[in-house]
Amino acid sequence: MKNLSLRLVSAVFISLMLLVATATERSPAPVVEEPRTCNTQSKYFDGGICLNSNHCAIICRHFEGFEGGHCRGLVRRCYCTKHCT
């Protein structure tokens, strides 16, 4: 009798676990991708070594049509940035 009740409890428990697992299974949330940022070395920045990212961003926005810019690299060059696909 003890074996029968243990089997019954186990069967009910496993059935409930399967029911819960299938009931809570949902389609995954859509993945929203952040836009990538593309970097291109500035063609118009002629200040030599880029020390001021604000100045670099102004050159990139006004003269090259980019969204912004920043100084980077060991040699400190001005890189213009925009969202790309």
PDB file of N, CA and C in Angstrom:
ATOM      1  N   MET A   1       0.819  -1.191   0.000  1.00  0.00           N
ATOM      2  CA  MET A   1       0.000   0.000   0.000  1.00  0.00           C
ATOM      3  C   MET A   1       0.866   1.260   0.000  1.00  0.00           C
ATOM      4  N   LYS A   2       1.965   1.199   0.752  1.00  0.00           N
ATOM      5  CA  LYS A   2       2.865   2.358   0.835  1.00  0.00           C
ATOM      6  C   LYS A   2       3.488   2.650  -0.525  1.00  0.00           C
ATOM      7  N   ASN A   3       3.872   1.594  -1.290  1.00  0.00           N
ATOM      8  CA  ASN A   3       4.442   1.761  -2.618  1.00  0.00           C
ATOM      9  C   ASN A   3       3.453   2.389  -3.576  1.00  0.00           C
ATOM     10  N   LEU A   4       2.200   2.002  -3.486  1.00  0.00           N
ATOM     11  CA  LEU A   4       1.164   2.522  -4.358  1.00  0.00           C
ATOM     12  C   LEU A   4       0.936   4.010  -4.117  1.00  0.00           C
ATOM     13  N   SER A   5       0.871   4.434  -2.858  1.00  0.00           N
ATOM     14  CA  SER A   5       0.655   5.853  -2.556  1.00  0.00           C
ATOM     15  C   SER A   5       1.863   6.695  -2.940  1.00  0.00           C
ATOM     16  N   LEU A   6       3.066   6.145  -2.798  1.00  0.00           N
ATOM     17  CA  LEU A   6       4.276   6.862  -3.200  1.00  0.00           C
ATOM     18  C   LEU A   6       4.297   7.049  -4.714  1.00  0.00           C
ATOM     19  N   ARG A   7       3.904   6.028  -5.462  1.00  0.00           N
ATOM     20  CA  ARG A   7       3.830   6.129  -6.922  1.00  0.00           C
ATOM     21  C   ARG A   7       2.772   7.144  -7.346  1.00  0.00           C
ATOM     22  N   LEU A   8       1.648   7.126  -6.671  1.00  0.00           N
ATOM     23  CA  LEU A   8       0.574   8.053  -6.995  1.00  0.00           C
ATOM     24  C   LEU A   8       0.993   9.499  -6.741  1.00  0.00           C
ATOM     25  N   VAL A   9       1.623   9.733  -5.604  1.00  0.00           N
ATOM     26  CA  VAL A   9       2.096  11.085  -5.276  1.00  0.00           C
ATOM     27  C   VAL A   9       3.148  11.525  -6.289  1.00  0.00           C
ATOM     28  N   SER A  10       4.056  10.630  -6.657  1.00  0.00           N
ATOM     29  CA  SER A  10       5.086  10.960  -7.650  1.00  0.00           C
ATOM     30  C   SER A  10       4.470  11.272  -9.001  1.00  0.00           C
ATOM     31  N   ALA A  11       3.494  10.487  -9.420  1.00  0.00           N
ATOM     32  CA  ALA A  11       2.842  10.703 -10.705  1.00  0.00           C
ATOM     33  C   ALA A  11       2.094  12.036 -10.729  1.00  0.00           C
ATOM     34  N   VAL A  12       1.416  12.346  -9.632  1.00  0.00           N
ATOM     35  CA  VAL A  12       0.688  13.615  -9.550  1.00  0.00           C
ATOM     36  C   VAL A  12       1.676  14.784  -9.562  1.00  0.00           C
ATOM     37  N   PHE A  13       2.766  14.650  -8.841  1.00  0.00           N
ATOM     38  CA  PHE A  13       3.774  15.709  -8.774  1.00  0.00           C
ATOM     39  C   PHE A  13       4.382  15.962 -10.151  1.00  0.00           C
ATOM     40  N   ILE A  14       4.742  14.908 -10.851  1.00  0.00           N
ATOM     41  CA  ILE A  14       5.334  15.064 -12.186  1.00  0.00           C
ATOM     42  C   ILE A  14       4.313  15.652 -13.153  1.00  0.00           C
ATOM     43  N   SER A  15       3.070  15.233 -13.054  1.00  0.00           N
ATOM     44  CA  SER A  15       2.026  15.795 -13.919  1.00  0.00           C
ATOM     45  C   SER A  15       1.846  17.287 -13.678  1.00  0.00           C
ATOM     46  N   LEU A  16       1.859  17.684 -12.418  1.00  0.00           N
ATOM     47  CA  LEU A  16       1.736  19.112 -12.091  1.00  0.00           C
ATOM     48  C   LEU A  16       2.927  19.901 -12.606  1.00  0.00           C
ATOM     49  N   MET A  17       4.128  19.336 -12.477  1.00  0.00           N
ATOM     50  CA  MET A  17       5.328  20.015 -12.974  1.00  0.00           C
ATOM     51  C   MET A  17       5.252  20.212 -14.488  1.00  0.00           C
ATOM     52  N   LEU A  18       4.807  19.199 -15.202  1.00  0.00           N
ATOM     53  CA  LEU A  18       4.662  19.319 -16.647  1.00  0.00           C
ATOM     54  C   LEU A  18       3.604  20.343 -17.019  1.00  0.00           C
ATOM     55  N   LEU A  19       2.523  20.361 -16.290  1.00  0.00           N
ATOM     56  CA  LEU A  19       1.455  21.312 -16.545  1.00  0.00           C
ATOM     57  C   LEU A  19       1.940  22.744 -16.331  1.00  0.00           C
ATOM     58  N   VAL A  20       2.652  22.966 -15.250  1.00  0.00           N
ATOM     59  CA  VAL A  20       3.181  24.303 -14.957  1.00  0.00           C
ATOM     60  C   VAL A  20       4.205  24.709 -16.002  1.00  0.00           C
ATOM     61  N   ALA A  21       5.076  23.776 -16.393  1.00  0.00           N
ATOM     62  CA  ALA A  21       6.117  24.091 -17.374  1.00  0.00           C
ATOM     63  C   ALA A  21       5.527  24.451 -18.726  1.00  0.00           C
ATOM     64  N   THR A  22       4.501  23.760 -19.158  1.00  0.00           N
ATOM     65  CA  THR A  22       3.913  24.061 -20.459  1.00  0.00           C
ATOM     66  C   THR A  22       3.003  25.279 -20.404  1.00  0.00           C
ATOM     67  N   ALA A  23       2.406  25.551 -19.254  1.00  0.00           N
ATOM     68  CA  ALA A  23       1.511  26.700 -19.128  1.00  0.00           C
ATOM     69  C   ALA A  23       2.293  28.002 -19.089  1.00  0.00           C
ATOM     70  N   THR A  24       3.489  27.996 -18.539  1.00  0.00           N
ATOM     71  CA  THR A  24       4.263  29.232 -18.423  1.00  0.00           C
ATOM     72  C   THR A  24       5.165  29.469 -19.615  1.00  0.00           C
ATOM     73  N   GLU A  25       5.202  28.530 -20.547  1.00  0.00           N
ATOM     74  CA  GLU A  25       6.042  28.701 -21.722  1.00  0.00           C
ATOM     75  C   GLU A  25       5.400  29.727 -22.643  1.00  0.00           C
ATOM     76  N   ARG A  26       6.122  30.781 -22.926  1.00  0.00           N
ATOM     77  CA  ARG A  26       5.605  31.859 -23.776  1.00  0.00           C
ATOM     78  C   ARG A  26       6.616  32.157 -24.857  1.00  0.00           C
ATOM     79  N   SER A  27       6.166  32.878 -25.844  1.00  0.00           N
ATOM     80  CA  SER A  27       7.108  33.278 -26.880  1.00  0.00           C
ATOM     81  C   SER A  27       8.055  34.317 -26.288  1.00  0.00           C
ATOM     82  N   PRO A  28       9.296  34.277 -26.717  1.00  0.00           N
ATOM     83  CA  PRO A  28      10.265  35.210 -26.150  1.00  0.00           C
ATOM     84  C   PRO A  28       9.942  36.652 -26.529  1.00  0.00           C
ATOM     85  N   ALA A  29      10.317  37.558 -25.663  1.00  0.00           N
ATOM     86  CA  ALA A  29      10.100  38.981 -25.930  1.00  0.00           C
ATOM     87  C   ALA A  29      10.932  39.380 -27.142  1.00  0.00           C
ATOM     88  N   PRO A  30      10.420  40.282 -27.955  1.00  0.00           N
ATOM     89  CA  PRO A  30      11.201  40.697 -29.121  1.00  0.00           C
ATOM     90  C   PRO A  30      12.490  41.390 -28.683  1.00  0.00           C
ATOM     91  N   VAL A  31      13.541  41.084 -29.394  1.00  0.00           N
ATOM     92  CA  VAL A  31      14.842  41.659 -29.079  1.00  0.00           C
ATOM     93  C   VAL A  31      14.939  43.018 -29.764  1.00  0.00           C
ATOM     94  N   VAL A  32      15.187  44.035 -28.969  1.00  0.00           N
ATOM     95  CA  VAL A  32      15.353  45.384 -29.506  1.00  0.00           C
ATOM     96  C   VAL A  32      16.841  45.646 -29.605  1.00  0.00           C
ATOM     97  N   GLU A  33      17.303  45.770 -30.823  1.00  0.00           N
ATOM     98  CA  GLU A  33      18.731  45.985 -31.021  1.00  0.00           C
ATOM     99  C   GLU A  33      19.035  47.470 -30.938  1.00  0.00           C
ATOM    100  N   GLU A  34      20.097  47.755 -30.211  1.00  0.00           N
ATOM    101  CA  GLU A  34      20.575  49.127 -30.148  1.00  0.00           C
ATOM    102  C   GLU A  34      21.265  49.451 -31.476  1.00  0.00           C
ATOM    103  N   PRO A  35      21.093  50.653 -31.976  1.00  0.00           N
ATOM    104  CA  PRO A  35      21.783  50.986 -33.222  1.00  0.00           C
ATOM    105  C   PRO A  35      23.289  50.983 -33.007  1.00  0.00           C
ATOM    106  N   ARG A  36      23.989  50.434 -33.987  1.00  0.00           N
ATOM    107  CA  ARG A  36      25.448  50.405 -33.893  1.00  0.00           C
ATOM    108  C   ARG A  36      25.999  51.796 -34.186  1.00  0.00           C
ATOM    109  N   THR A  37      27.151  52.081 -33.647  1.00  0.00           N
ATOM    110  CA  THR A  37      27.815  53.350 -33.906  1.00  0.00           C
ATOM    111  C   THR A  37      28.985  53.104 -34.845  1.00  0.00           C
ATOM    112  N   CYS A  38      28.989  53.815 -35.964  1.00  0.00           N
ATOM    113  CA  CYS A  38      30.082  53.712 -36.925  1.00  0.00           C
ATOM    114  C   CYS A  38      31.054  54.858 -36.689  1.00  0.00           C
ATOM    115  N   ASN A  39      32.324  54.555 -36.771  1.00  0.00           N
ATOM    116  CA  ASN A  39      33.388  55.549 -36.582  1.00  0.00           C
ATOM    117  C   ASN A  39      34.168  55.695 -37.879  1.00  0.00           C
ATOM    118  N   THR A  40      34.447  56.946 -38.255  1.00  0.00           N
ATOM    119  CA  THR A  40      35.260  57.237 -39.432  1.00  0.00           C
ATOM    120  C   THR A  40      36.220  58.365 -39.071  1.00  0.00           C
ATOM    121  N   GLN A  41      37.474  58.195 -39.439  1.00  0.00           N
ATOM    122  CA  GLN A  41      38.432  59.247 -39.116  1.00  0.00           C
ATOM    123  C   GLN A  41      38.071  60.516 -39.886  1.00  0.00           C
ATOM    124  N   SER A  42      38.123  61.633 -39.184  1.00  0.00           N
ATOM    125  CA  SER A  42      37.746  62.924 -39.767  1.00  0.00           C
ATOM    126  C   SER A  42      38.696  63.314 -40.891  1.00  0.00           C
ATOM    127  N   LYS A  43      38.107  63.859 -41.949  1.00  0.00           N
ATOM    128  CA  LYS A  43      38.912  64.354 -43.067  1.00  0.00           C
ATOM    129  C   LYS A  43      39.221  65.840 -42.921  1.00  0.00           C
ATOM    130  N   TYR A  44      38.441  66.541 -42.093  1.00  0.00           N
ATOM    131  CA  TYR A  44      38.581  67.989 -41.982  1.00  0.00           C
ATOM    132  C   TYR A  44      39.256  68.448 -40.692  1.00  0.00           C
ATOM    133  N   PHE A  45      39.443  67.561 -39.745  1.00  0.00           N
ATOM    134  CA  PHE A  45      40.091  67.959 -38.494  1.00  0.00           C
ATOM    135  C   PHE A  45      41.574  68.147 -38.781  1.00  0.00           C
ATOM    136  N   ASP A  46      42.028  69.397 -38.669  1.00  0.00           N
ATOM    137  CA  ASP A  46      43.427  69.676 -38.981  1.00  0.00           C
ATOM    138  C   ASP A  46      44.181  70.215 -37.778  1.00  0.00           C
ATOM    139  N   GLY A  47      43.690  69.936 -36.597  1.00  0.00           N
ATOM    140  CA  GLY A  47      44.320  70.442 -35.385  1.00  0.00           C
ATOM    141  C   GLY A  47      45.489  69.605 -34.904  1.00  0.00           C
ATOM    142  N   GLY A  48      45.987  68.687 -35.729  1.00  0.00           N
ATOM    143  CA  GLY A  48      47.078  67.822 -35.299  1.00  0.00           C
ATOM    144  C   GLY A  48      46.561  66.764 -34.341  1.00  0.00           C
ATOM    145  N   ILE A  49      47.145  66.702 -33.160  1.00  0.00           N
ATOM    146  CA  ILE A  49      46.711  65.740 -32.155  1.00  0.00           C
ATOM    147  C   ILE A  49      45.370  66.194 -31.589  1.00  0.00           C
ATOM    148  N   CYS A  50      44.422  65.282 -31.512  1.00  0.00           N
ATOM    149  CA  CYS A  50      43.075  65.590 -31.020  1.00  0.00           C
ATOM    150  C   CYS A  50      43.078  65.515 -29.496  1.00  0.00           C
ATOM    151  N   LEU A  51      42.932  66.647 -28.857  1.00  0.00           N
ATOM    152  CA  LEU A  51      42.917  66.700 -27.397  1.00  0.00           C
ATOM    153  C   LEU A  51      41.543  67.063 -26.849  1.00  0.00           C
ATOM    154  N   ASN A  52      40.685  67.632 -27.686  1.00  0.00           N
ATOM    155  CA  ASN A  52      39.392  68.111 -27.238  1.00  0.00           C
ATOM    156  C   ASN A  52      38.279  67.436 -28.047  1.00  0.00           C
ATOM    157  N   SER A  53      37.582  66.463 -27.433  1.00  0.00           N
ATOM    158  CA  SER A  53      36.531  65.740 -28.144  1.00  0.00           C
ATOM    159  C   SER A  53      35.378  66.652 -28.542  1.00  0.00           C
ATOM    160  N   ASN A  54      35.135  67.720 -27.787  1.00  0.00           N
ATOM    161  CA  ASN A  54      34.062  68.657 -28.127  1.00  0.00           C
ATOM    162  C   ASN A  54      34.378  69.357 -29.447  1.00  0.00           C
ATOM    163  N   HIS A  55      35.603  69.786 -29.628  1.00  0.00           N
ATOM    164  CA  HIS A  55      36.016  70.431 -30.873  1.00  0.00           C
ATOM    165  C   HIS A  55      35.914  69.441 -32.030  1.00  0.00           C
ATOM    166  N   CYS A  56      36.331  68.221 -31.797  1.00  0.00           N
ATOM    167  CA  CYS A  56      36.233  67.161 -32.809  1.00  0.00           C
ATOM    168  C   CYS A  56      34.772  66.945 -33.221  1.00  0.00           C
ATOM    169  N   ALA A  57      33.867  66.882 -32.244  1.00  0.00           N
ATOM    170  CA  ALA A  57      32.443  66.668 -32.527  1.00  0.00           C
ATOM    171  C   ALA A  57      31.863  67.816 -33.344  1.00  0.00           C
ATOM    172  N   ILE A  58      32.270  69.038 -33.059  1.00  0.00           N
ATOM    173  CA  ILE A  58      31.784  70.204 -33.810  1.00  0.00           C
ATOM    174  C   ILE A  58      32.224  70.117 -35.264  1.00  0.00           C
ATOM    175  N   ILE A  59      33.483  69.780 -35.493  1.00  0.00           N
ATOM    176  CA  ILE A  59      33.995  69.631 -36.868  1.00  0.00           C
ATOM    177  C   ILE A  59      33.202  68.544 -37.601  1.00  0.00           C
ATOM    178  N   CYS A  60      32.992  67.424 -36.924  1.00  0.00           N
ATOM    179  CA  CYS A  60      32.275  66.300 -37.555  1.00  0.00           C
ATOM    180  C   CYS A  60      30.835  66.667 -37.893  1.00  0.00           C
ATOM    181  N   ARG A  61      30.149  67.371 -36.986  1.00  0.00           N
ATOM    182  CA  ARG A  61      28.744  67.729 -37.223  1.00  0.00           C
ATOM    183  C   ARG A  61      28.604  68.788 -38.309  1.00  0.00           C
ATOM    184  N   HIS A  62      29.388  69.844 -38.222  1.00  0.00           N
ATOM    185  CA  HIS A  62      29.174  70.989 -39.106  1.00  0.00           C
ATOM    186  C   HIS A  62      29.810  70.838 -40.479  1.00  0.00           C
ATOM    187  N   PHE A  63      30.945  70.173 -40.576  1.00  0.00           N
ATOM    188  CA  PHE A  63      31.646  70.114 -41.854  1.00  0.00           C
ATOM    189  C   PHE A  63      31.542  68.760 -42.551  1.00  0.00           C
ATOM    190  N   GLU A  64      31.237  67.709 -41.789  1.00  0.00           N
ATOM    191  CA  GLU A  64      31.234  66.385 -42.403  1.00  0.00           C
ATOM    192  C   GLU A  64      29.872  65.696 -42.347  1.00  0.00           C
ATOM    193  N   GLY A  65      28.870  66.291 -41.686  1.00  0.00           N
ATOM    194  CA  GLY A  65      27.525  65.745 -41.673  1.00  0.00           C
ATOM    195  C   GLY A  65      27.314  64.539 -40.768  1.00  0.00           C
ATOM    196  N   PHE A  66      28.198  64.339 -39.809  1.00  0.00           N
ATOM    197  CA  PHE A  66      28.038  63.240 -38.863  1.00  0.00           C
ATOM    198  C   PHE A  66      27.247  63.708 -37.652  1.00  0.00           C
ATOM    199  N   GLU A  67      26.917  62.765 -36.764  1.00  0.00           N
ATOM    200  CA  GLU A  67      26.145  63.088 -35.560  1.00  0.00           C
ATOM    201  C   GLU A  67      27.019  63.563 -34.412  1.00  0.00           C
ATOM    202  N   GLY A  68      28.275  63.241 -34.441  1.00  0.00           N
ATOM    203  CA  GLY A  68      29.186  63.632 -33.366  1.00  0.00           C
ATOM    204  C   GLY A  68      30.588  63.168 -33.666  1.00  0.00           C
ATOM    205  N   GLY A  69      31.439  63.256 -32.665  1.00  0.00           N
ATOM    206  CA  GLY A  69      32.818  62.827 -32.842  1.00  0.00           C
ATOM    207  C   GLY A  69      33.541  62.782 -31.511  1.00  0.00           C
ATOM    208  N   HIS A  70      34.677  62.117 -31.495  1.00  0.00           N
ATOM    209  CA  HIS A  70      35.479  62.023 -30.275  1.00  0.00           C
ATOM    210  C   HIS A  70      36.933  61.721 -30.635  1.00  0.00           C
ATOM    211  N   CYS A  71      37.818  62.045 -29.710  1.00  0.00           N
ATOM    212  CA  CYS A  71      39.236  61.749 -29.870  1.00  0.00           C
ATOM    213  C   CYS A  71      39.485  60.332 -29.379  1.00  0.00           C
ATOM    214  N   ARG A  72      40.320  59.600 -30.113  1.00  0.00           N
ATOM    215  CA  ARG A  72      40.644  58.252 -29.654  1.00  0.00           C
ATOM    216  C   ARG A  72      41.945  57.773 -30.264  1.00  0.00           C
ATOM    217  N   GLY A  73      42.439  56.715 -29.682  1.00  0.00           N
ATOM    218  CA  GLY A  73      43.661  56.102 -30.187  1.00  0.00           C
ATOM    219  C   GLY A  73      44.890  56.615 -29.484  1.00  0.00           C
ATOM    220  N   LEU A  74      45.989  55.893 -29.672  1.00  0.00           N
ATOM    221  CA  LEU A  74      47.257  56.258 -29.052  1.00  0.00           C
ATOM    222  C   LEU A  74      47.778  57.581 -29.603  1.00  0.00           C
ATOM    223  N   VAL A  75      47.567  57.800 -30.902  1.00  0.00           N
ATOM    224  CA  VAL A  75      48.036  59.035 -31.546  1.00  0.00           C
ATOM    225  C   VAL A  75      47.014  60.154 -31.409  1.00  0.00           C
ATOM    226  N   ARG A  76      45.820  59.864 -30.848  1.00  0.00           N
ATOM    227  CA  ARG A  76      44.751  60.836 -30.595  1.00  0.00           C
ATOM    228  C   ARG A  76      44.284  61.507 -31.882  1.00  0.00           C
ATOM    229  N   ARG A  77      43.548  60.755 -32.663  1.00  0.00           N
ATOM    230  CA  ARG A  77      42.944  61.265 -33.886  1.00  0.00           C
ATOM    231  C   ARG A  77      41.462  61.543 -33.635  1.00  0.00           C
ATOM    232  N   CYS A  78      40.899  62.398 -34.466  1.00  0.00           N
ATOM    233  CA  CYS A  78      39.480  62.736 -34.377  1.00  0.00           C
ATOM    234  C   CYS A  78      38.691  61.743 -35.220  1.00  0.00           C
ATOM    235  N   TYR A  79      37.722  61.075 -34.589  1.00  0.00           N
ATOM    236  CA  TYR A  79      36.853  60.135 -35.282  1.00  0.00           C
ATOM    237  C   TYR A  79      35.419  60.626 -35.225  1.00  0.00           C
ATOM    238  N   CYS A  80      34.782  60.697 -36.390  1.00  0.00           N
ATOM    239  CA  CYS A  80      33.388  61.105 -36.478  1.00  0.00           C
ATOM    240  C   CYS A  80      32.495  59.885 -36.278  1.00  0.00           C
ATOM    241  N   THR A  81      31.329  60.112 -35.660  1.00  0.00           N
ATOM    242  CA  THR A  81      30.435  59.003 -35.348  1.00  0.00           C
ATOM    243  C   THR A  81      29.033  59.257 -35.881  1.00  0.00           C
ATOM    244  N   LYS A  82      28.353  58.154 -36.218  1.00  0.00           N
ATOM    245  CA  LYS A  82      26.944  58.188 -36.595  1.00  0.00           C
ATOM    246  C   LYS A  82      26.368  56.813 -36.341  1.00  0.00           C
ATOM    247  N   HIS A  83      25.038  56.740 -36.224  1.00  0.00           N
ATOM    248  CA  HIS A  83      24.362  55.455 -36.079  1.00  0.00           C
ATOM    249  C   HIS A  83      24.307  54.821 -37.464  1.00  0.00           C
ATOM    250  N   CYS A  84      24.721  53.580 -37.545  1.00  0.00           N
ATOM    251  CA  CYS A  84      24.694  52.888 -38.829  1.00  0.00           C
ATOM    252  C   CYS A  84      23.867  51.624 -38.713  1.00  0.00           C
ATOM    253  N   THR A  85      23.518  51.048 -39.854  1.00  0.00           N
ATOM    254  CA  THR A  85      22.698  49.839 -39.867  1.00  0.00           C
ATOM    255  C   THR A  85      23.510  48.639 -40.244  1.00  0.00           C
TER     256      THR A  85
END
